[in-house]
Amino acid sequence: MTVEKMTAIIAERVHTVRKLRGWSQRELAKRSELHYVVLNRLEKGHKVALQAETVRRLAEALQVSSDYLLGLKEDIDNAA
């Protein structure tokens, strides 16, 4: 799988779970201790590669597993 494809999967899942939680991008950025611009660029597909720490922070803030965000698990209900 290419880096671009993996990033697209992560971006889609972050966006989906963020919306399920009822959070704005700014709220998720605050909860994950990431800069808002990083999150915004990710969801828009502008960020090409992500660091493992970024994925970990997003997963922790969204209360899902990193495996779910990476597309290794399909079921969000069993992701946390």
N, C-alpha and C. Protein backbone atom coordinates (compact mmCIF):
# COMPACT_ATOMS: atom_id res chain seq x y z
N MET A 1 0.85 -1.17 0.00
CA MET A 1 0.00 0.00 0.00
C MET A 1 0.90 1.24 0.00
N THR A 2 0.53 2.21 -0.78
CA THR A 2 1.32 3.44 -0.86
C THR A 2 1.07 4.33 0.35
N VAL A 3 2.00 5.23 0.59
CA VAL A 3 1.86 6.19 1.69
C VAL A 3 0.63 7.05 1.47
N GLU A 4 0.40 7.43 0.23
CA GLU A 4 -0.76 8.28 -0.10
C GLU A 4 -2.07 7.56 0.20
N LYS A 5 -2.14 6.27 -0.12
CA LYS A 5 -3.35 5.48 0.14
C LYS A 5 -3.58 5.34 1.65
N MET A 6 -2.49 5.05 2.38
CA MET A 6 -2.60 4.90 3.84
C MET A 6 -3.05 6.22 4.47
N THR A 7 -2.49 7.33 4.00
CA THR A 7 -2.88 8.63 4.53
C THR A 7 -4.35 8.92 4.23
N ALA A 8 -4.81 8.54 3.05
CA ALA A 8 -6.21 8.75 2.69
C ALA A 8 -7.14 7.94 3.60
N ILE A 9 -6.75 6.71 3.93
CA ILE A 9 -7.54 5.87 4.84
C ILE A 9 -7.61 6.52 6.22
N ILE A 10 -6.46 6.94 6.72
CA ILE A 10 -6.41 7.58 8.04
C ILE A 10 -7.26 8.84 8.04
N ALA A 11 -7.11 9.66 7.02
CA ALA A 11 -7.86 10.92 6.93
C ALA A 11 -9.37 10.66 6.95
N GLU A 12 -9.81 9.69 6.18
CA GLU A 12 -11.24 9.37 6.11
C GLU A 12 -11.75 8.89 7.47
N ARG A 13 -10.98 8.05 8.12
CA ARG A 13 -11.43 7.51 9.41
C ARG A 13 -11.39 8.56 10.51
N VAL A 14 -10.37 9.40 10.51
CA VAL A 14 -10.32 10.49 11.48
C VAL A 14 -11.53 11.39 11.30
N HIS A 15 -11.82 11.75 10.07
CA HIS A 15 -12.96 12.62 9.78
C HIS A 15 -14.27 11.97 10.25
N THR A 16 -14.45 10.70 9.92
CA THR A 16 -15.68 9.99 10.28
C THR A 16 -15.88 9.93 11.78
N VAL A 17 -14.84 9.53 12.52
CA VAL A 17 -14.98 9.40 13.97
C VAL A 17 -15.12 10.77 14.62
N ARG A 18 -14.40 11.75 14.11
CA ARG A 18 -14.52 13.12 14.65
C ARG A 18 -15.96 13.59 14.53
N LYS A 19 -16.58 13.36 13.39
CA LYS A 19 -17.97 13.75 13.20
C LYS A 19 -18.91 12.96 14.12
N LEU A 20 -18.64 11.66 14.29
CA LEU A 20 -19.45 10.84 15.21
C LEU A 20 -19.38 11.39 16.64
N ARG A 21 -18.23 11.90 17.00
CA ARG A 21 -18.06 12.47 18.34
C ARG A 21 -18.66 13.88 18.45
N GLY A 22 -18.99 14.48 17.30
CA GLY A 22 -19.57 15.81 17.30
C GLY A 22 -18.54 16.91 17.53
N TRP A 23 -17.29 16.64 17.19
CA TRP A 23 -16.20 17.58 17.42
C TRP A 23 -15.82 18.32 16.15
N SER A 24 -15.40 19.55 16.33
CA SER A 24 -14.82 20.31 15.24
C SER A 24 -13.36 19.87 15.08
N GLN A 25 -12.74 20.29 13.99
CA GLN A 25 -11.31 20.01 13.83
C GLN A 25 -10.50 20.65 14.95
N ARG A 26 -10.89 21.84 15.34
CA ARG A 26 -10.18 22.53 16.42
C ARG A 26 -10.30 21.77 17.75
N GLU A 27 -11.46 21.19 18.01
CA GLU A 27 -11.65 20.42 19.23
C GLU A 27 -10.76 19.17 19.22
N LEU A 28 -10.72 18.45 18.10
CA LEU A 28 -9.87 17.27 18.02
C LEU A 28 -8.40 17.67 18.11
N ALA A 29 -8.03 18.75 17.49
CA ALA A 29 -6.64 19.21 17.58
C ALA A 29 -6.26 19.48 19.03
N LYS A 30 -7.15 20.11 19.75
CA LYS A 30 -6.90 20.40 21.17
C LYS A 30 -6.79 19.11 21.98
N ARG A 31 -7.72 18.18 21.77
CA ARG A 31 -7.74 16.93 22.53
C ARG A 31 -6.54 16.04 22.21
N SER A 32 -6.05 16.12 20.98
CA SER A 32 -4.92 15.28 20.57
C SER A 32 -3.58 15.99 20.72
N GLU A 33 -3.64 17.25 21.14
CA GLU A 33 -2.44 18.08 21.31
C GLU A 33 -1.65 18.18 20.01
N LEU A 34 -2.39 18.33 18.91
CA LEU A 34 -1.80 18.55 17.60
C LEU A 34 -2.18 19.96 17.15
N HIS A 35 -1.36 20.51 16.28
CA HIS A 35 -1.70 21.82 15.73
C HIS A 35 -2.89 21.66 14.79
N TYR A 36 -3.80 22.60 14.85
CA TYR A 36 -5.01 22.57 14.02
C TYR A 36 -4.66 22.42 12.53
N VAL A 37 -3.60 23.07 12.09
CA VAL A 37 -3.23 23.04 10.67
C VAL A 37 -2.87 21.61 10.24
N VAL A 38 -2.22 20.85 11.11
CA VAL A 38 -1.87 19.47 10.79
C VAL A 38 -3.14 18.65 10.54
N LEU A 39 -4.10 18.79 11.42
CA LEU A 39 -5.36 18.06 11.28
C LEU A 39 -6.13 18.51 10.05
N ASN A 40 -6.19 19.79 9.83
CA ASN A 40 -6.89 20.34 8.67
C ASN A 40 -6.28 19.82 7.37
N ARG A 41 -4.96 19.85 7.29
CA ARG A 41 -4.27 19.37 6.08
C ARG A 41 -4.48 17.87 5.89
N LEU A 42 -4.47 17.13 6.99
CA LEU A 42 -4.70 15.69 6.89
C LEU A 42 -6.08 15.41 6.31
N GLU A 43 -7.10 16.03 6.88
CA GLU A 43 -8.47 15.76 6.42
C GLU A 43 -8.71 16.25 5.00
N LYS A 44 -7.99 17.25 4.57
CA LYS A 44 -8.11 17.73 3.19
C LYS A 44 -7.27 16.92 2.21
N GLY A 45 -6.45 16.01 2.74
CA GLY A 45 -5.61 15.18 1.88
C GLY A 45 -4.31 15.85 1.47
N HIS A 46 -3.93 16.92 2.12
CA HIS A 46 -2.71 17.64 1.77
C HIS A 46 -1.47 17.07 2.44
N LYS A 47 -1.65 16.41 3.57
CA LYS A 47 -0.51 15.86 4.31
C LYS A 47 -0.15 14.51 3.70
N VAL A 48 1.08 14.35 3.29
CA VAL A 48 1.47 13.14 2.57
C VAL A 48 1.85 12.00 3.52
N ALA A 49 2.64 12.28 4.55
CA ALA A 49 3.08 11.23 5.47
C ALA A 49 2.85 11.67 6.91
N LEU A 50 2.51 10.72 7.75
CA LEU A 50 2.25 11.00 9.15
C LEU A 50 3.26 10.27 10.03
N GLN A 51 3.62 10.88 11.12
CA GLN A 51 4.48 10.22 12.09
C GLN A 51 3.63 9.29 12.94
N ALA A 52 4.24 8.24 13.45
CA ALA A 52 3.53 7.28 14.30
C ALA A 52 2.94 7.98 15.52
N GLU A 53 3.65 8.95 16.07
CA GLU A 53 3.17 9.67 17.25
C GLU A 53 1.88 10.43 16.93
N THR A 54 1.76 10.95 15.73
CA THR A 54 0.55 11.66 15.33
C THR A 54 -0.64 10.70 15.28
N VAL A 55 -0.43 9.53 14.71
CA VAL A 55 -1.49 8.52 14.65
C VAL A 55 -1.88 8.10 16.06
N ARG A 56 -0.90 7.89 16.94
CA ARG A 56 -1.18 7.50 18.31
C ARG A 56 -2.01 8.56 19.03
N ARG A 57 -1.64 9.82 18.87
CA ARG A 57 -2.37 10.90 19.52
C ARG A 57 -3.81 10.98 19.02
N LEU A 58 -3.99 10.85 17.72
CA LEU A 58 -5.34 10.89 17.16
C LEU A 58 -6.17 9.72 17.66
N ALA A 59 -5.59 8.53 17.67
CA ALA A 59 -6.32 7.34 18.13
C ALA A 59 -6.72 7.50 19.60
N GLU A 60 -5.81 7.97 20.40
CA GLU A 60 -6.10 8.15 21.83
C GLU A 60 -7.21 9.18 22.04
N ALA A 61 -7.11 10.30 21.35
CA ALA A 61 -8.12 11.36 21.50
C ALA A 61 -9.49 10.89 21.02
N LEU A 62 -9.52 10.15 19.92
CA LEU A 62 -10.78 9.69 19.34
C LEU A 62 -11.31 8.43 20.03
N GLN A 63 -10.51 7.84 20.90
CA GLN A 63 -10.86 6.63 21.64
C GLN A 63 -11.12 5.45 20.68
N VAL A 64 -10.21 5.31 19.72
CA VAL A 64 -10.20 4.17 18.81
C VAL A 64 -8.78 3.63 18.80
N SER A 65 -8.58 2.46 18.23
CA SER A 65 -7.24 1.91 18.15
C SER A 65 -6.49 2.49 16.94
N SER A 66 -5.19 2.46 17.05
CA SER A 66 -4.37 2.86 15.90
C SER A 66 -4.64 1.93 14.73
N ASP A 67 -4.88 0.65 15.03
CA ASP A 67 -5.19 -0.31 13.97
C ASP A 67 -6.43 0.11 13.19
N TYR A 68 -7.43 0.63 13.89
CA TYR A 68 -8.63 1.10 13.19
C TYR A 68 -8.28 2.27 12.26
N LEU A 69 -7.54 3.25 12.78
CA LEU A 69 -7.19 4.41 11.96
C LEU A 69 -6.35 4.00 10.75
N LEU A 70 -5.50 2.99 10.93
CA LEU A 70 -4.63 2.54 9.84
C LEU A 70 -5.34 1.64 8.84
N GLY A 71 -6.59 1.29 9.12
CA GLY A 71 -7.34 0.44 8.21
C GLY A 71 -7.10 -1.04 8.42
N LEU A 72 -6.47 -1.41 9.54
CA LEU A 72 -6.19 -2.81 9.83
C LEU A 72 -7.36 -3.50 10.52
N LYS A 73 -8.27 -2.72 11.10
CA LYS A 73 -9.50 -3.21 11.71
C LYS A 73 -10.64 -2.44 11.08
N GLU A 74 -11.73 -3.12 10.81
CA GLU A 74 -12.86 -2.48 10.16
C GLU A 74 -13.92 -2.00 11.14
N ASP A 75 -14.03 -2.65 12.27
CA ASP A 75 -15.14 -2.40 13.19
C ASP A 75 -14.76 -1.36 14.23
N ILE A 76 -15.36 -0.20 14.15
CA ILE A 76 -15.08 0.87 15.10
C ILE A 76 -15.52 0.51 16.52
N ASP A 77 -16.58 -0.29 16.64
CA ASP A 77 -17.09 -0.65 17.95
C ASP A 77 -16.08 -1.46 18.77
N ASN A 78 -15.24 -2.20 18.11
CA ASN A 78 -14.24 -3.01 18.80
C ASN A 78 -12.85 -2.40 18.66
N ALA A 79 -12.79 -1.13 18.28
CA ALA A 79 -11.50 -0.51 18.01
C ALA A 79 -10.82 0.02 19.25
N ALA A 80 -11.57 0.40 20.25
CA ALA A 80 -10.97 1.05 21.43
C ALA A 80 -10.26 0.04 22.31
